[in-house]
Amino acid sequence: MTINERAPEGDRSFDAVRDRLSMPLVEAMETQRAVRKVLPDEVDDAIVLRCIELALKAPTGSNGQNWEFIVVKDPEIKAEFAAQYRRAWRLYGSLGHRLARGDETMKKVLGAVQWQVDNFEQIPVLVVPCLVGPQRFYPGSLARSSHYGSIYPSVQNLLLAARAMGLGASLITLPLWSGYKARKILNLPATVQPCCIVPMGWPRGRYGPTTRKPVSKVVHLDSYGNRAFGDSGA
């Protein structure tokens, strides 16, 4: 699938789109983006489960595989998360719009998030990746990054699989702003922590190219500020 190809139309069953997983990895990585505007059309359970199956191929700390994935399709549960999303967005969205004054690119991003907030109940599938284990207080950033390092590689696998299959997806956390409420909505035990939500659906319109800084602008050699690589590899 090229970056300007439309998402699959007509037959969107697993059998109809499974061969899309043969997309070259570099193409999936170069065209992956946060796709928030999706159709309300149903997504075959087999497609979602295959994406999660590929997510499970990611590494975890000590090979603990301490993850669980909640697939949310119930309209009432989606509505509860939508309410949480809107409460958090009233604060973060307002701040974002103030900071984005004069920045048309950021305004476009905020507009896409606003669409997702307004239409959250219509998104066909939400995948909630969770970590299993005693919930501890992590006083340092290193401890926290080590903890979450057991789930986010699998989330990236999930996003890449969704991209290859032709689905639109994004990683969001605002609907989980209240851990207590999120646990109550999903009936989670105290030992299971929701880490993010990945809304999934068939994209509205076409895929578009991603715009990123050149590698030479973000890579340092040995110490911060040493831009030794210049424009090579940009």
Protein backbone atom coordinates (compact mmCIF):
# COMPACT_ATOMS: atom_id res chain seq x y z
CA MET A 1 0.00 0.00 0.00
CA THR A 2 1.45 3.37 -0.98
CA ILE A 3 1.00 6.38 1.25
CA ASN A 4 -1.76 7.77 -1.00
CA GLU A 5 -3.72 4.55 -1.38
CA ARG A 6 -7.18 4.48 0.16
CA ALA A 7 -8.03 2.16 2.98
CA PRO A 8 -9.64 -1.09 1.81
CA GLU A 9 -13.26 -0.73 0.77
CA GLY A 10 -15.98 -3.29 0.12
CA ASP A 11 -15.03 -6.62 1.68
CA ARG A 12 -13.09 -5.77 4.84
CA SER A 13 -13.11 -9.24 6.36
CA PHE A 14 -9.91 -10.73 7.73
CA ASP A 15 -9.57 -13.02 4.71
CA ALA A 16 -9.85 -10.01 2.39
CA VAL A 17 -7.12 -7.94 4.07
CA ARG A 18 -4.80 -10.48 5.71
CA ASP A 19 -2.31 -10.39 2.82
CA ARG A 20 -1.69 -6.71 3.56
CA LEU A 21 0.53 -7.86 6.41
CA SER A 22 3.14 -8.64 3.76
CA MET A 23 3.68 -4.87 3.41
CA PRO A 24 7.44 -4.18 3.66
CA LEU A 25 8.35 -3.17 7.20
CA VAL A 26 10.08 0.00 6.06
CA GLU A 27 6.93 1.11 4.22
CA ALA A 28 4.77 0.52 7.30
CA MET A 29 7.22 2.45 9.47
CA GLU A 30 7.64 5.35 7.03
CA THR A 31 3.90 5.83 6.52
CA GLN A 32 2.68 5.12 10.05
CA ARG A 33 0.95 8.05 11.67
CA ALA A 34 -1.67 8.75 14.32
CA VAL A 35 -4.97 8.28 12.47
CA ARG A 36 -7.80 9.63 14.61
CA LYS A 37 -10.60 10.13 12.09
CA VAL A 38 -12.11 6.72 11.40
CA LEU A 39 -15.38 5.34 10.09
CA PRO A 40 -17.96 3.76 12.40
CA ASP A 41 -17.92 0.63 10.21
CA GLU A 42 -17.39 -2.67 12.00
CA VAL A 43 -13.88 -4.14 12.20
CA ASP A 44 -13.66 -7.92 11.92
CA ASP A 45 -12.70 -9.46 15.29
CA ALA A 46 -10.15 -11.65 13.51
CA ILE A 47 -8.31 -8.54 12.29
CA VAL A 48 -8.11 -7.08 15.79
CA LEU A 49 -6.99 -10.39 17.27
CA ARG A 50 -4.29 -10.81 14.60
CA CYS A 51 -2.98 -7.33 15.40
CA ILE A 52 -2.85 -8.23 19.10
CA GLU A 53 -1.22 -11.55 18.26
CA LEU A 54 1.57 -9.63 16.53
CA ALA A 55 1.74 -7.25 19.50
CA LEU A 56 2.54 -10.28 21.65
CA LYS A 57 5.71 -10.89 19.63
CA ALA A 58 7.33 -7.83 21.21
CA PRO A 59 9.95 -8.24 23.96
CA THR A 60 9.13 -7.68 27.62
CA GLY A 61 11.31 -7.28 30.69
CA SER A 62 12.75 -10.65 31.72
CA ASN A 63 10.36 -12.14 29.15
CA GLY A 64 7.66 -11.70 31.76
CA GLN A 65 4.88 -11.28 29.19
CA ASN A 66 2.99 -9.49 31.95
CA TRP A 67 0.36 -7.97 29.72
CA GLU A 68 -3.37 -8.14 29.12
CA PHE A 69 -5.38 -6.52 26.32
CA ILE A 70 -9.00 -5.43 26.77
CA VAL A 71 -10.94 -5.15 23.49
CA VAL A 72 -13.81 -2.70 23.96
CA LYS A 73 -16.78 -2.79 21.58
CA ASP A 74 -19.68 -2.18 23.99
CA PRO A 75 -21.26 1.25 23.25
CA GLU A 76 -21.91 1.94 26.94
CA ILE A 77 -18.29 1.32 27.91
CA LYS A 78 -17.07 3.49 25.02
CA ALA A 79 -19.45 6.22 26.18
CA GLU A 80 -17.99 6.10 29.69
CA PHE A 81 -14.47 6.51 28.32
CA ALA A 82 -15.71 9.27 26.02
CA ALA A 83 -16.93 11.20 29.06
CA GLN A 84 -13.52 10.82 30.72
CA TYR A 85 -11.79 11.89 27.50
CA ARG A 86 -13.90 15.05 27.27
CA ARG A 87 -13.27 16.01 30.87
CA ALA A 88 -9.51 15.78 30.37
CA TRP A 89 -9.64 17.45 26.95
CA ARG A 90 -11.40 20.51 28.31
CA LEU A 91 -8.19 21.26 30.19
CA TYR A 92 -5.52 19.98 27.79
CA GLY A 93 -7.31 21.10 24.65
CA SER A 94 -7.76 24.62 25.94
CA LEU A 95 -4.07 24.80 26.85
CA GLY A 96 -3.08 23.33 23.48
CA HIS A 97 -5.05 25.93 21.53
CA ARG A 98 -3.44 28.74 23.50
CA LEU A 99 0.05 27.38 22.83
CA ALA A 100 -0.72 26.72 19.14
CA ARG A 101 -1.64 30.29 18.23
CA GLY A 102 -0.09 31.01 14.84
CA ASP A 103 1.01 27.37 14.36
CA GLU A 104 -1.19 25.97 11.59
CA THR A 105 0.36 22.50 11.76
CA MET A 106 -0.41 22.16 15.44
CA LYS A 107 -3.91 23.53 14.91
CA LYS A 108 -4.48 20.75 12.38
CA VAL A 109 -3.37 18.16 14.92
CA LEU A 110 -5.62 19.67 17.58
CA GLY A 111 -8.50 19.59 15.13
CA ALA A 112 -7.99 15.86 14.56
CA VAL A 113 -7.91 15.23 18.30
CA GLN A 114 -11.06 17.31 18.72
CA TRP A 115 -12.78 15.16 16.10
CA GLN A 116 -11.77 12.03 18.01
CA VAL A 117 -13.02 13.50 21.28
CA ASP A 118 -16.36 14.49 19.73
CA ASN A 119 -16.89 11.13 17.98
CA PHE A 120 -15.33 8.73 20.45
CA GLU A 121 -18.45 6.61 20.90
CA GLN A 122 -18.55 5.96 17.13
CA ILE A 123 -15.06 4.45 16.95
CA PRO A 124 -15.67 0.72 16.39
CA VAL A 125 -12.89 -0.77 18.54
CA LEU A 126 -10.79 0.35 21.49
CA VAL A 127 -7.84 -1.79 22.56
CA VAL A 128 -6.63 -1.16 26.12
CA PRO A 129 -3.12 -2.57 26.75
CA CYS A 130 -2.54 -3.33 30.42
CA LEU A 131 0.33 -4.43 32.65
CA VAL A 132 -0.13 -7.16 35.24
CA GLY A 133 1.59 -7.12 38.60
CA PRO A 134 1.58 -5.36 41.97
CA GLN A 135 1.08 -1.63 41.57
CA ARG A 136 4.08 0.08 43.11
CA PHE A 137 5.16 3.67 43.54
CA TYR A 138 8.01 4.40 41.14
CA PRO A 139 9.99 7.33 42.58
CA GLY A 140 12.45 7.68 39.69
CA SER A 141 12.07 8.08 35.94
CA LEU A 142 14.36 5.09 35.32
CA ALA A 143 12.15 2.79 37.38
CA ARG A 144 9.03 4.04 35.59
CA SER A 145 10.56 3.64 32.13
CA SER A 146 11.65 0.11 33.03
CA HIS A 147 8.13 -0.71 34.19
CA TYR A 148 6.38 0.62 31.09
CA GLY A 149 9.06 -0.82 28.83
CA SER A 150 7.20 -4.11 29.13
CA ILE A 151 4.09 -2.79 27.35
CA TYR A 152 5.00 -0.05 24.88
CA PRO A 153 7.04 -2.23 22.48
CA SER A 154 3.91 -4.38 22.10
CA VAL A 155 1.81 -1.25 21.51
CA GLN A 156 4.14 -0.24 18.67
CA ASN A 157 3.77 -3.71 17.16
CA LEU A 158 0.01 -3.29 17.43
CA LEU A 159 0.14 0.08 15.65
CA LEU A 160 2.37 -1.24 12.86
CA ALA A 161 0.11 -4.26 12.34
CA ALA A 162 -2.93 -1.99 12.18
CA ARG A 163 -1.17 0.22 9.63
CA ALA A 164 -0.29 -2.73 7.44
CA MET A 165 -3.82 -4.13 7.58
CA GLY A 166 -5.18 -0.76 6.46
CA LEU A 167 -6.63 0.32 9.80
CA GLY A 168 -6.33 3.75 11.32
CA ALA A 169 -5.09 3.78 14.90
CA SER A 170 -3.53 6.07 17.50
CA LEU A 171 -2.11 5.84 21.00
CA ILE A 172 -3.95 7.98 23.56
CA THR A 173 -3.94 8.27 27.36
CA LEU A 174 -6.34 11.11 28.27
CA PRO A 175 -9.37 8.80 28.73
CA LEU A 176 -7.35 7.12 31.51
CA TRP A 177 -6.74 10.37 33.41
CA SER A 178 -8.56 8.86 36.38
CA GLY A 179 -7.02 5.48 37.11
CA TYR A 180 -9.77 4.71 39.61
CA LYS A 181 -12.51 5.44 37.09
CA ALA A 182 -10.76 3.49 34.32
CA ARG A 183 -10.48 0.44 36.57
CA LYS A 184 -14.14 0.70 37.48
CA ILE A 185 -15.21 1.01 33.83
CA LEU A 186 -13.24 -2.10 32.83
CA ASN A 187 -13.79 -4.03 36.06
CA LEU A 188 -10.03 -4.41 36.46
CA PRO A 189 -8.50 -6.01 39.55
CA ALA A 190 -5.96 -4.02 41.54
CA THR A 191 -3.11 -5.98 39.97
CA VAL A 192 -3.94 -4.91 36.39
CA GLN A 193 -2.99 -1.40 35.26
CA PRO A 194 -4.42 0.16 32.05
CA CYS A 195 -1.54 1.95 30.29
CA CYS A 196 -3.08 3.52 27.20
CA ILE A 197 -5.94 3.14 24.70
CA VAL A 198 -5.56 2.40 21.00
CA PRO A 199 -8.73 3.39 19.10
CA MET A 200 -8.97 1.48 15.80
CA GLY A 201 -11.15 1.74 12.71
CA TRP A 202 -11.14 2.12 8.94
CA PRO A 203 -9.71 5.56 8.09
CA ARG A 204 -11.76 8.34 6.58
CA GLY A 205 -10.08 9.38 3.33
CA ARG A 206 -6.52 8.59 2.32
CA TYR A 207 -3.30 7.93 4.14
CA GLY A 208 -0.92 10.85 3.99
CA PRO A 209 2.84 11.25 4.28
CA THR A 210 4.46 11.96 7.61
CA THR A 211 6.65 14.99 8.20
CA ARG A 212 9.57 14.49 10.55
CA LYS A 213 12.74 16.37 11.41
CA PRO A 214 15.90 15.21 9.60
CA VAL A 215 17.90 12.67 11.58
CA SER A 216 20.84 15.10 11.60
CA LYS A 217 18.75 17.53 13.65
CA VAL A 218 18.05 15.12 16.50
CA VAL A 219 21.17 12.91 16.71
CA HIS A 220 24.17 13.77 18.91
CA LEU A 221 27.49 11.92 19.04
CA ASP A 222 28.86 11.00 22.47
CA SER A 223 27.55 14.15 24.17
CA TYR A 224 24.60 16.48 23.75
CA GLY A 225 25.20 19.25 21.25
CA ASN A 226 27.82 17.43 19.16
CA ARG A 227 26.04 17.37 15.79
CA ALA A 228 28.84 15.36 14.23
CA PHE A 229 26.70 13.75 11.56
CA GLY A 230 25.76 17.01 9.80
CA ASP A 231 23.28 16.43 7.03
CA SER A 232 24.38 12.86 6.29
CA GLY A 233 21.58 10.35 6.44
CA ALA A 234 18.93 13.04 6.67
